[in-house]
mmCIF file of all heavy atoms, coordinates in Angstrom:
data_MODEL
# 
_entry.id   MODEL 
# 
loop_
_atom_site.group_PDB 
_atom_site.id 
_atom_site.type_symbol 
_atom_site.label_atom_id 
_atom_site.label_alt_id 
_atom_site.label_comp_id 
_atom_site.label_asym_id 
_atom_site.label_entity_id 
_atom_site.label_seq_id 
_atom_site.pdbx_PDB_ins_code 
_atom_site.Cartn_x 
_atom_site.Cartn_y 
_atom_site.Cartn_z 
_atom_site.occupancy 
_atom_site.B_iso_or_equiv 
_atom_site.pdbx_formal_charge 
_atom_site.auth_seq_id 
_atom_site.auth_comp_id 
_atom_site.auth_asym_id 
_atom_site.auth_atom_id 
_atom_site.pdbx_PDB_model_num 
ATOM 1   N N   . THR A 1 1  ? 211.207 256.222 51.181 1.00 0.00 ? 1  THR A N   1 
ATOM 2   C CA  . THR A 1 1  ? 212.055 256.259 49.996 1.00 0.00 ? 1  THR A CA  1 
ATOM 3   C C   . THR A 1 1  ? 213.453 256.718 50.386 1.00 0.00 ? 1  THR A C   1 
ATOM 4   O O   . THR A 1 1  ? 213.679 257.152 51.518 1.00 0.00 ? 1  THR A O   1 
ATOM 5   C CB  . THR A 1 1  ? 211.503 257.238 48.932 1.00 0.00 ? 1  THR A CB  1 
ATOM 6   O OG1 . THR A 1 1  ? 211.788 258.579 49.335 1.00 0.00 ? 1  THR A OG1 1 
ATOM 7   C CG2 . THR A 1 1  ? 210.015 257.065 48.717 1.00 0.00 ? 1  THR A CG2 1 
ATOM 8   N N   . ASP A 1 2  ? 214.358 256.687 49.430 1.00 0.00 ? 2  ASP A N   1 
ATOM 9   C CA  . ASP A 1 2  ? 215.704 257.206 49.668 1.00 0.00 ? 2  ASP A CA  1 
ATOM 10  C C   . ASP A 1 2  ? 215.720 258.732 49.673 1.00 0.00 ? 2  ASP A C   1 
ATOM 11  O O   . ASP A 1 2  ? 216.772 259.331 49.846 1.00 0.00 ? 2  ASP A O   1 
ATOM 12  C CB  . ASP A 1 2  ? 216.671 256.666 48.612 1.00 0.00 ? 2  ASP A CB  1 
ATOM 13  C CG  . ASP A 1 2  ? 217.114 255.248 48.915 1.00 0.00 ? 2  ASP A CG  1 
ATOM 14  O OD1 . ASP A 1 2  ? 216.536 254.605 49.815 1.00 0.00 ? 2  ASP A OD1 1 
ATOM 15  O OD2 . ASP A 1 2  ? 218.051 254.778 48.242 1.00 0.00 ? 2  ASP A OD2 1 
ATOM 16  N N   . GLY A 1 3  ? 214.556 259.359 49.486 1.00 0.00 ? 3  GLY A N   1 
ATOM 17  C CA  . GLY A 1 3  ? 214.449 260.818 49.525 1.00 0.00 ? 3  GLY A CA  1 
ATOM 18  C C   . GLY A 1 3  ? 213.488 261.318 50.579 1.00 0.00 ? 3  GLY A C   1 
ATOM 19  O O   . GLY A 1 3  ? 213.140 262.491 50.595 1.00 0.00 ? 3  GLY A O   1 
ATOM 20  N N   . GLY A 1 4  ? 213.026 260.442 51.473 1.00 0.00 ? 4  GLY A N   1 
ATOM 21  C CA  . GLY A 1 4  ? 212.117 260.851 52.536 1.00 0.00 ? 4  GLY A CA  1 
ATOM 22  C C   . GLY A 1 4  ? 210.839 260.037 52.549 1.00 0.00 ? 4  GLY A C   1 
ATOM 23  O O   . GLY A 1 4  ? 210.643 259.119 51.758 1.00 0.00 ? 4  GLY A O   1 
ATOM 24  N N   . LEU A 1 5  ? 209.938 260.414 53.468 1.00 0.00 ? 5  LEU A N   1 
ATOM 25  C CA  . LEU A 1 5  ? 208.648 259.749 53.629 1.00 0.00 ? 5  LEU A CA  1 
ATOM 26  C C   . LEU A 1 5  ? 207.561 260.493 52.875 1.00 0.00 ? 5  LEU A C   1 
ATOM 27  O O   . LEU A 1 5  ? 207.636 261.709 52.687 1.00 0.00 ? 5  LEU A O   1 
ATOM 28  C CB  . LEU A 1 5  ? 208.261 259.703 55.108 1.00 0.00 ? 5  LEU A CB  1 
ATOM 29  C CG  . LEU A 1 5  ? 209.150 258.899 56.041 1.00 0.00 ? 5  LEU A CG  1 
ATOM 30  C CD1 . LEU A 1 5  ? 208.695 259.087 57.487 1.00 0.00 ? 5  LEU A CD1 1 
ATOM 31  C CD2 . LEU A 1 5  ? 209.108 257.433 55.667 1.00 0.00 ? 5  LEU A CD2 1 
ATOM 32  N N   . ALA A 1 6  ? 206.512 259.752 52.491 1.00 0.00 ? 6  ALA A N   1 
ATOM 33  C CA  . ALA A 1 6  ? 205.366 260.375 51.833 1.00 0.00 ? 6  ALA A CA  1 
ATOM 34  C C   . ALA A 1 6  ? 204.112 259.578 52.163 1.00 0.00 ? 6  ALA A C   1 
ATOM 35  O O   . ALA A 1 6  ? 204.165 258.385 52.460 1.00 0.00 ? 6  ALA A O   1 
ATOM 36  C CB  . ALA A 1 6  ? 205.575 260.429 50.324 1.00 0.00 ? 6  ALA A CB  1 
ATOM 37  N N   . ARG A 1 7  ? 202.984 260.273 52.084 1.00 0.00 ? 7  ARG A N   1 
ATOM 38  C CA  . ARG A 1 7  ? 201.674 259.637 52.214 1.00 0.00 ? 7  ARG A CA  1 
ATOM 39  C C   . ARG A 1 7  ? 201.104 259.505 50.810 1.00 0.00 ? 7  ARG A C   1 
ATOM 40  O O   . ARG A 1 7  ? 201.200 260.424 49.997 1.00 0.00 ? 7  ARG A O   1 
ATOM 41  C CB  . ARG A 1 7  ? 200.760 260.477 53.090 1.00 0.00 ? 7  ARG A CB  1 
ATOM 42  C CG  . ARG A 1 7  ? 199.398 259.849 53.284 1.00 0.00 ? 7  ARG A CG  1 
ATOM 43  C CD  . ARG A 1 7  ? 198.520 260.626 54.211 1.00 0.00 ? 7  ARG A CD  1 
ATOM 44  N NE  . ARG A 1 7  ? 198.491 262.028 53.817 1.00 0.00 ? 7  ARG A NE  1 
ATOM 45  C CZ  . ARG A 1 7  ? 198.414 263.038 54.665 1.00 0.00 ? 7  ARG A CZ  1 
ATOM 46  N NH1 . ARG A 1 7  ? 198.393 262.815 55.949 1.00 0.00 ? 7  ARG A NH1 1 
ATOM 47  N NH2 . ARG A 1 7  ? 198.363 264.270 54.241 1.00 0.00 ? 7  ARG A NH2 1 
ATOM 48  N N   . LEU A 1 8  ? 200.502 258.344 50.510 1.00 0.00 ? 8  LEU A N   1 
ATOM 49  C CA  . LEU A 1 8  ? 199.961 258.100 49.177 1.00 0.00 ? 8  LEU A CA  1 
ATOM 50  C C   . LEU A 1 8  ? 198.451 258.274 49.179 1.00 0.00 ? 8  LEU A C   1 
ATOM 51  O O   . LEU A 1 8  ? 197.767 257.836 50.090 1.00 0.00 ? 8  LEU A O   1 
ATOM 52  C CB  . LEU A 1 8  ? 200.311 256.690 48.719 1.00 0.00 ? 8  LEU A CB  1 
ATOM 53  C CG  . LEU A 1 8  ? 201.800 256.368 48.642 1.00 0.00 ? 8  LEU A CG  1 
ATOM 54  C CD1 . LEU A 1 8  ? 202.001 254.914 48.230 1.00 0.00 ? 8  LEU A CD1 1 
ATOM 55  C CD2 . LEU A 1 8  ? 202.509 257.289 47.679 1.00 0.00 ? 8  LEU A CD2 1 
ATOM 56  N N   . ASP A 1 9  ? 197.947 258.906 48.138 1.00 0.00 ? 9  ASP A N   1 
ATOM 57  C CA  . ASP A 1 9  ? 196.511 259.071 47.937 1.00 0.00 ? 9  ASP A CA  1 
ATOM 58  C C   . ASP A 1 9  ? 196.087 258.061 46.871 1.00 0.00 ? 9  ASP A C   1 
ATOM 59  O O   . ASP A 1 9  ? 196.384 258.243 45.689 1.00 0.00 ? 9  ASP A O   1 
ATOM 60  C CB  . ASP A 1 9  ? 196.204 260.488 47.473 1.00 0.00 ? 9  ASP A CB  1 
ATOM 61  C CG  . ASP A 1 9  ? 194.725 260.739 47.277 1.00 0.00 ? 9  ASP A CG  1 
ATOM 62  O OD1 . ASP A 1 9  ? 193.951 259.762 47.112 1.00 0.00 ? 9  ASP A OD1 1 
ATOM 63  O OD2 . ASP A 1 9  ? 194.323 261.914 47.265 1.00 0.00 ? 9  ASP A OD2 1 
ATOM 64  N N   . PRO A 1 10 ? 195.379 256.977 47.264 1.00 0.00 ? 10 PRO A N   1 
ATOM 65  C CA  . PRO A 1 10 ? 195.037 255.938 46.299 1.00 0.00 ? 10 PRO A CA  1 
ATOM 66  C C   . PRO A 1 10 ? 193.981 256.361 45.276 1.00 0.00 ? 10 PRO A C   1 
ATOM 67  O O   . PRO A 1 10 ? 193.888 255.764 44.215 1.00 0.00 ? 10 PRO A O   1 
ATOM 68  C CB  . PRO A 1 10 ? 194.518 254.793 47.167 1.00 0.00 ? 10 PRO A CB  1 
ATOM 69  C CG  . PRO A 1 10 ? 194.086 255.433 48.429 1.00 0.00 ? 10 PRO A CG  1 
ATOM 70  C CD  . PRO A 1 10 ? 194.942 256.649 48.613 1.00 0.00 ? 10 PRO A CD  1 
ATOM 71  N N   . LEU A 1 11 ? 193.216 257.381 45.572 1.00 0.00 ? 11 LEU A N   1 
ATOM 72  C CA  . LEU A 1 11 ? 192.198 257.838 44.625 1.00 0.00 ? 11 LEU A CA  1 
ATOM 73  C C   . LEU A 1 11 ? 192.786 258.724 43.534 1.00 0.00 ? 11 LEU A C   1 
ATOM 74  O O   . LEU A 1 11 ? 192.467 258.571 42.355 1.00 0.00 ? 11 LEU A O   1 
ATOM 75  C CB  . LEU A 1 11 ? 191.079 258.576 45.365 1.00 0.00 ? 11 LEU A CB  1 
ATOM 76  C CG  . LEU A 1 11 ? 190.340 257.748 46.416 1.00 0.00 ? 11 LEU A CG  1 
ATOM 77  C CD1 . LEU A 1 11 ? 189.318 258.600 47.149 1.00 0.00 ? 11 LEU A CD1 1 
ATOM 78  C CD2 . LEU A 1 11 ? 189.690 256.535 45.776 1.00 0.00 ? 11 LEU A CD2 1 
ATOM 79  N N   . ARG A 1 12 ? 193.651 259.642 43.927 1.00 0.00 ? 12 ARG A N   1 
ATOM 80  C CA  . ARG A 1 12 ? 194.265 260.556 42.956 1.00 0.00 ? 12 ARG A CA  1 
ATOM 81  C C   . ARG A 1 12 ? 195.591 260.039 42.418 1.00 0.00 ? 12 ARG A C   1 
ATOM 82  O O   . ARG A 1 12 ? 196.158 260.618 41.504 1.00 0.00 ? 12 ARG A O   1 
ATOM 83  C CB  . ARG A 1 12 ? 194.488 261.928 43.594 1.00 0.00 ? 12 ARG A CB  1 
ATOM 84  C CG  . ARG A 1 12 ? 193.219 262.630 44.005 1.00 0.00 ? 12 ARG A CG  1 
ATOM 85  C CD  . ARG A 1 12 ? 193.494 263.961 44.635 1.00 0.00 ? 12 ARG A CD  1 
ATOM 86  N NE  . ARG A 1 12 ? 194.789 263.956 45.317 1.00 0.00 ? 12 ARG A NE  1 
ATOM 87  C CZ  . ARG A 1 12 ? 195.547 265.017 45.509 1.00 0.00 ? 12 ARG A CZ  1 
ATOM 88  N NH1 . ARG A 1 12 ? 195.162 266.175 45.100 1.00 0.00 ? 12 ARG A NH1 1 
ATOM 89  N NH2 . ARG A 1 12 ? 196.701 264.932 46.139 1.00 0.00 ? 12 ARG A NH2 1 
ATOM 90  N N   . LEU A 1 13 ? 196.108 258.947 43.016 1.00 0.00 ? 13 LEU A N   1 
ATOM 91  C CA  . LEU A 1 13 ? 197.413 258.386 42.658 1.00 0.00 ? 13 LEU A CA  1 
ATOM 92  C C   . LEU A 1 13 ? 198.494 259.452 42.740 1.00 0.00 ? 13 LEU A C   1 
ATOM 93  O O   . LEU A 1 13 ? 199.264 259.677 41.810 1.00 0.00 ? 13 LEU A O   1 
ATOM 94  C CB  . LEU A 1 13 ? 197.379 257.737 41.267 1.00 0.00 ? 13 LEU A CB  1 
ATOM 95  C CG  . LEU A 1 13 ? 196.466 256.535 41.143 1.00 0.00 ? 13 LEU A CG  1 
ATOM 96  C CD1 . LEU A 1 13 ? 196.475 256.008 39.729 1.00 0.00 ? 13 LEU A CD1 1 
ATOM 97  C CD2 . LEU A 1 13 ? 196.845 255.447 42.133 1.00 0.00 ? 13 LEU A CD2 1 
ATOM 98  N N   . ARG A 1 14 ? 198.537 260.102 43.899 1.00 0.00 ? 14 ARG A N   1 
ATOM 99  C CA  . ARG A 1 14 ? 199.512 261.155 44.172 1.00 0.00 ? 14 ARG A CA  1 
ATOM 100 C C   . ARG A 1 14 ? 200.242 260.823 45.472 1.00 0.00 ? 14 ARG A C   1 
ATOM 101 O O   . ARG A 1 14 ? 199.711 260.148 46.343 1.00 0.00 ? 14 ARG A O   1 
ATOM 102 C CB  . ARG A 1 14 ? 198.819 262.517 44.342 1.00 0.00 ? 14 ARG A CB  1 
ATOM 103 C CG  . ARG A 1 14 ? 197.981 262.990 43.198 1.00 0.00 ? 14 ARG A CG  1 
ATOM 104 C CD  . ARG A 1 14 ? 198.704 263.666 42.091 1.00 0.00 ? 14 ARG A CD  1 
ATOM 105 N NE  . ARG A 1 14 ? 199.612 264.709 42.544 1.00 0.00 ? 14 ARG A NE  1 
ATOM 106 C CZ  . ARG A 1 14 ? 200.663 265.109 41.844 1.00 0.00 ? 14 ARG A CZ  1 
ATOM 107 N NH1 . ARG A 1 14 ? 200.933 264.582 40.695 1.00 0.00 ? 14 ARG A NH1 1 
ATOM 108 N NH2 . ARG A 1 14 ? 201.448 266.060 42.288 1.00 0.00 ? 14 ARG A NH2 1 
ATOM 109 N N   . ALA A 1 15 ? 201.454 261.342 45.579 1.00 0.00 ? 15 ALA A N   1 
ATOM 110 C CA  . ALA A 1 15 ? 202.242 261.222 46.806 1.00 0.00 ? 15 ALA A CA  1 
ATOM 111 C C   . ALA A 1 15 ? 202.383 262.598 47.422 1.00 0.00 ? 15 ALA A C   1 
ATOM 112 O O   . ALA A 1 15 ? 202.559 263.590 46.716 1.00 0.00 ? 15 ALA A O   1 
ATOM 113 C CB  . ALA A 1 15 ? 203.620 260.648 46.498 1.00 0.00 ? 15 ALA A CB  1 
ATOM 114 N N   . GLU A 1 16 ? 202.265 262.651 48.728 1.00 0.00 ? 16 GLU A N   1 
ATOM 115 C CA  . GLU A 1 16 ? 202.413 263.900 49.468 1.00 0.00 ? 16 GLU A CA  1 
ATOM 116 C C   . GLU A 1 16 ? 203.603 263.750 50.411 1.00 0.00 ? 16 GLU A C   1 
ATOM 117 O O   . GLU A 1 16 ? 203.504 263.095 51.453 1.00 0.00 ? 16 GLU A O   1 
ATOM 118 C CB  . GLU A 1 16 ? 201.134 264.157 50.267 1.00 0.00 ? 16 GLU A CB  1 
ATOM 119 C CG  . GLU A 1 16 ? 201.036 265.486 50.905 1.00 0.00 ? 16 GLU A CG  1 
ATOM 120 C CD  . GLU A 1 16 ? 199.688 265.614 51.621 1.00 0.00 ? 16 GLU A CD  1 
ATOM 121 O OE1 . GLU A 1 16 ? 198.661 265.214 51.056 1.00 0.00 ? 16 GLU A OE1 1 
ATOM 122 O OE2 . GLU A 1 16 ? 199.712 266.107 52.764 1.00 0.00 ? 16 GLU A OE2 1 
ATOM 123 N N   . PRO A 1 17 ? 204.769 264.319 50.046 1.00 0.00 ? 17 PRO A N   1 
ATOM 124 C CA  . PRO A 1 17 ? 205.960 264.164 50.890 1.00 0.00 ? 17 PRO A CA  1 
ATOM 125 C C   . PRO A 1 17 ? 205.755 264.758 52.281 1.00 0.00 ? 17 PRO A C   1 
ATOM 126 O O   . PRO A 1 17 ? 205.071 265.771 52.448 1.00 0.00 ? 17 PRO A O   1 
ATOM 127 C CB  . PRO A 1 17 ? 207.043 264.928 50.138 1.00 0.00 ? 17 PRO A CB  1 
ATOM 128 C CG  . PRO A 1 17 ? 206.561 264.987 48.734 1.00 0.00 ? 17 PRO A CG  1 
ATOM 129 C CD  . PRO A 1 17 ? 205.056 265.046 48.826 1.00 0.00 ? 17 PRO A CD  1 
ATOM 130 N N   . LEU A 1 18 ? 206.327 264.114 53.259 1.00 0.00 ? 18 LEU A N   1 
ATOM 131 C CA  . LEU A 1 18 ? 206.259 264.591 54.632 1.00 0.00 ? 18 LEU A CA  1 
ATOM 132 C C   . LEU A 1 18 ? 207.261 265.729 54.796 1.00 0.00 ? 18 LEU A C   1 
ATOM 133 O O   . LEU A 1 18 ? 208.454 265.538 54.588 1.00 0.00 ? 18 LEU A O   1 
ATOM 134 C CB  . LEU A 1 18 ? 206.601 263.446 55.593 1.00 0.00 ? 18 LEU A CB  1 
ATOM 135 C CG  . LEU A 1 18 ? 206.388 263.688 57.069 1.00 0.00 ? 18 LEU A CG  1 
ATOM 136 C CD1 . LEU A 1 18 ? 204.914 263.871 57.372 1.00 0.00 ? 18 LEU A CD1 1 
ATOM 137 C CD2 . LEU A 1 18 ? 206.919 262.501 57.859 1.00 0.00 ? 18 LEU A CD2 1 
ATOM 138 N N   . PRO A 1 19 ? 206.793 266.925 55.146 1.00 0.00 ? 19 PRO A N   1 
ATOM 139 C CA  . PRO A 1 19 ? 207.717 268.059 55.285 1.00 0.00 ? 19 PRO A CA  1 
ATOM 140 C C   . PRO A 1 19 ? 208.613 267.929 56.514 1.00 0.00 ? 19 PRO A C   1 
ATOM 141 O O   . PRO A 1 19 ? 208.321 267.188 57.456 1.00 0.00 ? 19 PRO A O   1 
ATOM 142 C CB  . PRO A 1 19 ? 206.803 269.277 55.407 1.00 0.00 ? 19 PRO A CB  1 
ATOM 143 C CG  . PRO A 1 19 ? 205.428 268.776 55.593 1.00 0.00 ? 19 PRO A CG  1 
ATOM 144 C CD  . PRO A 1 19 ? 205.404 267.311 55.343 1.00 0.00 ? 19 PRO A CD  1 
ATOM 145 N N   . ARG A 1 20 ? 209.676 268.671 56.513 1.00 0.00 ? 20 ARG A N   1 
ATOM 146 C CA  . ARG A 1 20 ? 210.657 268.675 57.596 1.00 0.00 ? 20 ARG A CA  1 
ATOM 147 C C   . ARG A 1 20 ? 209.991 268.984 58.943 1.00 0.00 ? 20 ARG A C   1 
ATOM 148 O O   . ARG A 1 20 ? 210.304 268.347 59.951 1.00 0.00 ? 20 ARG A O   1 
ATOM 149 C CB  . ARG A 1 20 ? 211.739 269.711 57.292 1.00 0.00 ? 20 ARG A CB  1 
ATOM 150 C CG  . ARG A 1 20 ? 212.907 269.670 58.271 1.00 0.00 ? 20 ARG A CG  1 
ATOM 151 C CD  . ARG A 1 20 ? 213.899 270.762 57.997 1.00 0.00 ? 20 ARG A CD  1 
ATOM 152 N NE  . ARG A 1 20 ? 215.082 270.572 57.234 1.00 0.00 ? 20 ARG A NE  1 
ATOM 153 C CZ  . ARG A 1 20 ? 215.890 269.533 57.143 1.00 0.00 ? 20 ARG A CZ  1 
ATOM 154 N NH1 . ARG A 1 20 ? 215.598 268.449 57.742 1.00 0.00 ? 20 ARG A NH1 1 
ATOM 155 N NH2 . ARG A 1 20 ? 216.981 269.526 56.451 1.00 0.00 ? 20 ARG A NH2 1 
ATOM 156 N N   . ALA A 1 21 ? 209.052 269.894 58.987 1.00 0.00 ? 21 ALA A N   1 
ATOM 157 C CA  . ALA A 1 21 ? 208.389 270.283 60.231 1.00 0.00 ? 21 ALA A CA  1 
ATOM 158 C C   . ALA A 1 21 ? 207.558 269.152 60.831 1.00 0.00 ? 21 ALA A C   1 
ATOM 159 O O   . ALA A 1 21 ? 207.264 269.153 62.017 1.00 0.00 ? 21 ALA A O   1 
ATOM 160 C CB  . ALA A 1 21 ? 207.513 271.504 59.999 1.00 0.00 ? 21 ALA A CB  1 
ATOM 161 N N   . GLN A 1 22 ? 207.183 268.178 60.020 1.00 0.00 ? 22 GLN A N   1 
ATOM 162 C CA  . GLN A 1 22 ? 206.387 267.052 60.506 1.00 0.00 ? 22 GLN A CA  1 
ATOM 163 C C   . GLN A 1 22 ? 207.217 265.784 60.672 1.00 0.00 ? 22 GLN A C   1 
ATOM 164 O O   . GLN A 1 22 ? 206.687 264.692 60.711 1.00 0.00 ? 22 GLN A O   1 
ATOM 165 C CB  . GLN A 1 22 ? 205.221 266.793 59.551 1.00 0.00 ? 22 GLN A CB  1 
ATOM 166 C CG  . GLN A 1 22 ? 204.213 267.911 59.557 1.00 0.00 ? 22 GLN A CG  1 
ATOM 167 C CD  . GLN A 1 22 ? 203.063 267.614 58.611 1.00 0.00 ? 22 GLN A CD  1 
ATOM 168 O OE1 . GLN A 1 22 ? 203.220 266.916 57.619 1.00 0.00 ? 22 GLN A OE1 1 
ATOM 169 N NE2 . GLN A 1 22 ? 201.902 268.165 58.927 1.00 0.00 ? 22 GLN A NE2 1 
ATOM 170 N N   . GLY A 1 23 ? 208.520 265.921 60.751 1.00 0.00 ? 23 GLY A N   1 
ATOM 171 C CA  . GLY A 1 23 ? 209.371 264.783 61.008 1.00 0.00 ? 23 GLY A CA  1 
ATOM 172 C C   . GLY A 1 23 ? 210.125 264.283 59.801 1.00 0.00 ? 23 GLY A C   1 
ATOM 173 O O   . GLY A 1 23 ? 210.778 263.250 59.863 1.00 0.00 ? 23 GLY A O   1 
ATOM 174 N N   . GLY A 1 24 ? 210.024 264.972 58.685 1.00 0.00 ? 24 GLY A N   1 
ATOM 175 C CA  . GLY A 1 24 ? 210.705 264.540 57.475 1.00 0.00 ? 24 GLY A CA  1 
ATOM 176 C C   . GLY A 1 24 ? 212.129 265.049 57.398 1.00 0.00 ? 24 GLY A C   1 
ATOM 177 O O   . GLY A 1 24 ? 212.591 265.402 56.319 1.00 0.00 ? 24 GLY A O   1 
# 
């Protein structure tokens, strides 16, 4: 996204942004 990377959970329909420490 224009605000960073995220992993999507298709079961809960949630996004988990990638933190700065993990390359975000």
